[in-house]
Amino acid sequence: MIRIGAILVGLGFTLVVLISFVTGFITWSTEEVEKGPEYSFHEHPQNIAFAHEGPFGHWDTQQLQRGYQVYKEVCAACHSLKYVAFRDLGELGYSEAEVAALAAEWQVPGINPDTGESVLRPGEPTDYFPDVYPNAVAAAAANNNAIPPDLSLMTKARHNGSDYVASLLSGYEPVPEELKAQFPNFNTPEGLYYNSYFPYLNIAMAPPLTQTGQVTYADGTEATVGQMATDVAAFLTWTAEPTLIERKQTGWATLAFLLVATILAYLAKRQIWSAVKPKKAKA
């Protein structure tokens, strides 16, 4: 009886799951979904050719240095990089002295050795990029109740992260007339900004890159809005996965090893079984 009961319970459970699946499929295929303006006017990120993309990608250190400069002079006013240490900047082609000088340009939390009170001191290579705001409440109060996210892993947290960040930063524009005509009730509230690359079109972040020459690049590259957006997107790709290129190189080495090992295993198999004669099938 127990075995029969268990079988019946299992069949009942399977039947319920099957009915739920069929009902859900019918609902999904027949239900009319009211699509808002974000479905029609949300654009996919531009396909930007970054040097680090592809199986043979590499870091463009000049671009990464320009991206760091854009982050420091523009993005760092609101966004932190709390998972990145100043010493990591050495991977961008800076010398130890240059890394120490770059770190000293930042103010990080410290302790007064005489009084034990909290103070701000120049950063050192072993320090991490400091938080912009002391807490989330202060961050929200300074940004119209929108807390600026930390950018350390941003390109890993977004689909097509590098392309998305670059497109978003250069995608601010007035609300299209076509959108107004198709959706008369759509509007961009005060404190928000229209950006076709943002999933819901209206974004709380004000346009951070507004004009050519907003940053003066040390290497003389013209700092157009598109150039600055691409450079800082590349830099944030590095902060999110600094071992990206090493991972790709390790992958190629692994594939080469497996290929050689496979060939050797095949030749060994031929050698081992070469003296064994196959039996003739009986007539």
Protein backbone atom coordinates (compact mmCIF):
# COMPACT_ATOMS: atom_id res chain seq x y z
CA MET A 1 0.00 0.00 0.00
CA ILE A 2 2.81 2.41 0.87
CA ARG A 3 4.45 1.79 -2.49
CA ILE A 4 1.17 2.33 -4.35
CA GLY A 5 0.52 5.52 -2.37
CA ALA A 6 3.98 6.85 -3.19
CA ILE A 7 3.41 6.15 -6.89
CA LEU A 8 0.07 7.94 -6.82
CA VAL A 9 1.58 10.96 -5.05
CA GLY A 10 4.37 11.09 -7.62
CA LEU A 11 1.90 10.87 -10.50
CA GLY A 12 -0.23 13.60 -8.93
CA PHE A 13 2.78 15.88 -8.52
CA THR A 14 3.84 15.26 -12.11
CA LEU A 15 0.31 15.98 -13.33
CA VAL A 16 0.18 19.29 -11.42
CA VAL A 17 3.54 20.36 -12.86
CA LEU A 18 2.42 19.41 -16.38
CA ILE A 19 -0.86 21.36 -16.02
CA SER A 20 1.03 24.40 -14.68
CA PHE A 21 3.46 24.27 -17.59
CA VAL A 22 0.69 23.96 -20.20
CA THR A 23 -1.35 26.74 -18.57
CA GLY A 24 1.66 29.05 -18.38
CA PHE A 25 2.56 28.40 -22.01
CA ILE A 26 -0.98 29.13 -23.18
CA THR A 27 -1.08 32.34 -21.13
CA TRP A 28 2.31 33.46 -22.44
CA SER A 29 1.38 32.80 -26.06
CA THR A 30 -2.08 34.40 -25.98
CA GLU A 31 -1.89 37.21 -23.39
CA GLU A 32 -1.81 40.71 -24.77
CA VAL A 33 1.09 42.62 -23.18
CA GLU A 34 0.77 46.37 -23.02
CA LYS A 35 4.14 47.65 -24.17
CA GLY A 36 5.36 50.97 -22.87
CA PRO A 37 7.67 53.43 -24.61
CA GLU A 38 10.77 51.69 -23.27
CA TYR A 39 10.02 48.69 -25.51
CA SER A 40 9.87 50.79 -28.66
CA PHE A 41 12.59 53.36 -28.03
CA HIS A 42 15.12 51.56 -25.86
CA GLU A 43 18.21 51.03 -28.02
CA HIS A 44 20.75 48.24 -27.69
CA PRO A 45 24.32 49.36 -26.95
CA GLN A 46 26.52 50.38 -29.83
CA ASN A 47 28.98 47.77 -31.05
CA ILE A 48 32.27 49.44 -30.18
CA ALA A 49 35.59 47.88 -31.17
CA PHE A 50 37.60 47.70 -27.94
CA ALA A 51 41.19 46.46 -28.03
CA HIS A 52 40.52 43.99 -25.21
CA GLU A 53 37.71 42.19 -27.03
CA GLY A 54 38.04 38.99 -29.03
CA PRO A 55 40.15 35.89 -28.44
CA PHE A 56 43.39 37.78 -29.16
CA GLY A 57 42.45 40.97 -27.32
CA HIS A 58 44.95 43.07 -25.38
CA TRP A 59 44.86 46.02 -23.04
CA ASP A 60 45.43 49.40 -24.69
CA THR A 61 47.36 50.97 -21.79
CA GLN A 62 47.13 54.46 -23.31
CA GLN A 63 43.35 54.14 -23.44
CA LEU A 64 43.22 52.78 -19.88
CA GLN A 65 45.26 55.73 -18.64
CA ARG A 66 42.93 58.13 -20.44
CA GLY A 67 39.96 56.29 -18.94
CA TYR A 68 41.43 56.63 -15.46
CA GLN A 69 41.82 60.36 -16.07
CA VAL A 70 38.14 60.64 -17.08
CA TYR A 71 37.09 58.68 -14.02
CA LYS A 72 39.18 60.84 -11.68
CA GLU A 73 38.16 64.19 -13.14
CA VAL A 74 34.50 63.42 -13.88
CA CYS A 75 33.07 60.19 -12.47
CA ALA A 76 34.82 60.22 -9.09
CA ALA A 77 32.65 63.14 -7.97
CA CYS A 78 29.78 60.66 -7.43
CA HIS A 79 30.98 57.08 -8.01
CA SER A 80 33.48 55.07 -5.99
CA LEU A 81 35.87 52.25 -6.92
CA LYS A 82 36.04 50.57 -3.53
CA TYR A 83 37.37 47.23 -4.81
CA VAL A 84 40.39 48.76 -6.57
CA ALA A 85 43.66 49.59 -4.81
CA PHE A 86 45.93 52.40 -5.95
CA ARG A 87 48.77 49.90 -6.39
CA ASP A 88 46.71 48.21 -9.09
CA LEU A 89 47.27 51.26 -11.30
CA GLY A 90 50.76 49.93 -11.92
CA GLU A 91 49.15 47.49 -14.35
CA LEU A 92 48.18 50.45 -16.54
CA GLY A 93 51.81 51.21 -17.32
CA TYR A 94 52.56 53.60 -14.46
CA SER A 95 55.87 53.28 -12.59
CA GLU A 96 56.03 52.83 -8.81
CA ALA A 97 56.83 56.52 -8.36
CA GLU A 98 53.93 57.52 -10.59
CA VAL A 99 51.56 55.20 -8.70
CA ALA A 100 52.66 56.74 -5.39
CA ALA A 101 52.11 60.23 -6.81
CA LEU A 102 48.66 59.31 -8.17
CA ALA A 103 47.66 57.80 -4.83
CA ALA A 104 48.78 60.93 -2.97
CA GLU A 105 46.35 63.01 -5.05
CA TRP A 106 43.46 61.33 -3.19
CA GLN A 107 42.33 61.89 0.39
CA VAL A 108 41.59 58.68 2.28
CA PRO A 109 40.34 58.08 5.85
CA GLY A 110 43.07 57.85 8.47
CA ILE A 111 43.73 58.14 12.20
CA ASN A 112 45.58 60.96 13.93
CA PRO A 113 48.38 59.13 15.82
CA ASP A 114 48.37 61.74 18.57
CA THR A 115 44.65 62.08 19.27
CA GLY A 116 43.17 58.94 17.74
CA GLU A 117 40.62 61.03 15.87
CA SER A 118 39.52 60.27 12.31
CA VAL A 119 41.25 62.45 9.74
CA LEU A 120 41.85 62.54 6.01
CA ARG A 121 45.35 61.91 4.73
CA PRO A 122 47.01 61.56 1.32
CA GLY A 123 46.54 58.11 -0.14
CA GLU A 124 49.26 55.48 -0.38
CA PRO A 125 49.65 52.71 -2.96
CA THR A 126 48.30 50.13 -0.48
CA ASP A 127 45.08 52.10 0.05
CA TYR A 128 41.86 51.49 -1.87
CA PHE A 129 39.91 54.19 -3.67
CA PRO A 130 37.87 55.95 -0.99
CA ASP A 131 34.08 56.09 -0.81
CA VAL A 132 32.65 59.33 -2.11
CA TYR A 133 29.96 59.57 0.56
CA PRO A 134 30.10 58.52 4.23
CA ASN A 135 26.91 56.45 3.93
CA ALA A 136 23.95 55.67 1.67
CA VAL A 137 21.75 58.35 3.25
CA ALA A 138 24.26 61.07 2.40
CA ALA A 139 24.64 59.68 -1.12
CA ALA A 140 20.88 59.74 -1.71
CA ALA A 141 20.52 63.23 -0.24
CA ALA A 142 23.14 64.58 -2.61
CA ASN A 143 21.71 62.92 -5.72
CA ASN A 144 17.94 63.44 -5.72
CA ASN A 145 17.37 60.20 -3.75
CA ALA A 146 19.33 58.13 -6.29
CA ILE A 147 22.37 56.42 -4.79
CA PRO A 148 25.27 56.38 -7.30
CA PRO A 149 26.48 52.77 -7.65
CA ASP A 150 30.07 51.71 -7.12
CA LEU A 151 31.73 51.27 -10.53
CA SER A 152 34.34 48.65 -9.66
CA LEU A 153 32.36 45.78 -11.20
CA MET A 154 29.86 47.72 -13.30
CA THR A 155 30.82 46.30 -16.69
CA LYS A 156 30.47 42.77 -15.30
CA ALA A 157 27.03 43.60 -13.90
CA ARG A 158 25.60 44.76 -17.24
CA HIS A 159 25.04 42.83 -20.45
CA ASN A 160 27.61 43.91 -23.04
CA GLY A 161 29.12 45.93 -20.20
CA SER A 162 31.81 47.86 -22.08
CA ASP A 163 29.48 48.78 -24.94
CA TYR A 164 26.65 49.59 -22.52
CA VAL A 165 28.70 51.99 -20.39
CA ALA A 166 30.16 53.80 -23.40
CA SER A 167 26.75 54.06 -25.09
CA LEU A 168 24.99 55.23 -21.94
CA LEU A 169 27.51 57.98 -21.24
CA SER A 170 27.17 59.37 -24.76
CA GLY A 171 23.45 58.67 -25.19
CA TYR A 172 21.83 61.70 -23.56
CA GLU A 173 19.51 63.59 -25.88
CA PRO A 174 16.19 65.47 -25.94
CA VAL A 175 13.04 63.37 -25.93
CA PRO A 176 12.36 62.43 -29.60
CA GLU A 177 9.29 63.98 -31.18
CA GLU A 178 8.27 60.54 -32.45
CA LEU A 179 8.16 59.29 -28.86
CA LYS A 180 6.01 62.24 -27.79
CA ALA A 181 3.61 61.62 -30.67
CA GLN A 182 3.33 57.88 -30.05
CA PHE A 183 3.09 58.13 -26.26
CA PRO A 184 1.52 61.51 -25.35
CA ASN A 185 1.60 60.68 -21.63
CA PHE A 186 5.34 60.01 -21.60
CA ASN A 187 7.43 62.69 -19.95
CA THR A 188 10.81 63.12 -18.33
CA PRO A 189 10.18 64.35 -14.76
CA GLU A 190 12.27 67.10 -13.25
CA GLY A 191 15.51 65.66 -11.95
CA LEU A 192 15.60 62.88 -14.56
CA TYR A 193 17.20 62.81 -18.00
CA TYR A 194 16.28 61.06 -21.24
CA ASN A 195 18.71 58.41 -22.44
CA SER A 196 17.67 55.89 -25.07
CA TYR A 197 20.28 53.36 -23.91
CA PHE A 198 18.87 53.23 -20.38
CA PRO A 199 16.25 50.45 -20.09
CA TYR A 200 13.52 52.79 -18.79
CA LEU A 201 14.62 55.81 -20.84
CA ASN A 202 14.59 58.24 -17.90
CA ILE A 203 17.75 58.13 -15.79
CA ALA A 204 18.59 59.98 -12.58
CA MET A 205 22.26 60.53 -13.46
CA ALA A 206 22.88 63.91 -15.04
CA PRO A 207 24.96 63.87 -18.24
CA PRO A 208 28.52 63.54 -16.93
CA LEU A 209 30.22 64.12 -20.29
CA THR A 210 28.89 67.27 -21.87
CA GLN A 211 31.43 68.80 -24.23
CA THR A 212 34.63 68.23 -26.17
CA GLY A 213 37.69 69.17 -24.16
CA GLN A 214 36.03 68.56 -20.80
CA VAL A 215 39.17 66.57 -19.96
CA THR A 216 42.60 67.47 -21.28
CA TYR A 217 44.35 64.23 -22.16
CA ALA A 218 48.02 63.98 -21.30
CA ASP A 219 48.77 62.16 -24.58
CA GLY A 220 47.15 64.87 -26.71
CA THR A 221 44.15 62.79 -27.85
CA GLU A 222 41.10 64.92 -28.66
CA ALA A 223 38.65 64.48 -25.79
CA THR A 224 35.32 64.28 -27.60
CA VAL A 225 32.30 62.99 -25.68
CA GLY A 226 32.45 59.70 -27.57
CA GLN A 227 36.21 59.34 -26.97
CA MET A 228 35.88 60.01 -23.24
CA ALA A 229 32.95 57.59 -22.94
CA THR A 230 34.87 54.84 -24.73
CA ASP A 231 38.03 55.41 -22.71
CA VAL A 232 36.33 55.32 -19.31
CA ALA A 233 34.33 52.23 -20.38
CA ALA A 234 37.61 50.46 -21.20
CA PHE A 235 39.04 51.53 -17.83
CA LEU A 236 35.98 50.19 -15.99
CA THR A 237 36.29 46.93 -17.91
CA TRP A 238 39.80 46.63 -16.50
CA THR A 239 38.66 47.42 -12.93
CA ALA A 240 35.97 44.74 -13.21
CA GLU A 241 38.32 42.04 -14.55
CA PRO A 242 42.00 43.06 -14.52
CA THR A 243 43.02 39.46 -15.38
CA LEU A 244 40.88 39.37 -18.53
CA ILE A 245 43.82 39.18 -20.96
CA GLU A 246 45.70 36.67 -18.80
CA ARG A 247 42.59 34.49 -18.73
CA LYS A 248 42.40 34.49 -22.52
CA GLN A 249 46.10 33.69 -22.85
CA THR A 250 45.74 30.85 -20.34
CA GLY A 251 42.83 29.52 -22.38
CA TRP A 252 44.92 29.37 -25.54
CA ALA A 253 47.77 27.65 -23.68
CA THR A 254 45.30 25.13 -22.26
CA LEU A 255 43.84 24.39 -25.68
CA ALA A 256 47.34 23.89 -27.12
CA PHE A 257 48.21 21.52 -24.27
CA LEU A 258 45.03 19.51 -24.76
CA LEU A 259 45.65 19.29 -28.50
CA VAL A 260 49.21 18.00 -28.01
CA ALA A 261 48.08 15.63 -25.25
CA THR A 262 45.36 14.22 -27.52
CA ILE A 263 47.83 13.60 -30.35
CA LEU A 264 50.28 11.92 -27.97
CA ALA A 265 47.53 9.76 -26.48
CA TYR A 266 46.44 8.66 -29.96
CA LEU A 267 50.01 7.79 -31.00
CA ALA A 268 50.54 5.93 -27.72
CA LYS A 269 47.37 3.94 -28.32
CA ARG A 270 48.58 3.01 -31.83
CA GLN A 271 51.96 1.95 -30.44
CA ILE A 272 50.53 -0.14 -27.59
CA TRP A 273 48.01 -1.98 -29.73
CA SER A 274 50.18 -2.34 -32.85
CA ALA A 275 51.35 -5.85 -31.83
CA VAL A 276 47.84 -7.11 -31.22
CA LYS A 277 46.41 -8.79 -34.28
CA PRO A 278 42.63 -8.59 -34.71
CA LYS A 279 40.83 -11.92 -34.63
CA LYS A 280 39.43 -13.12 -37.90
CA ALA A 281 35.70 -13.57 -37.96
CA LYS A 282 34.54 -17.15 -38.38
CA ALA A 283 32.85 -17.98 -41.67
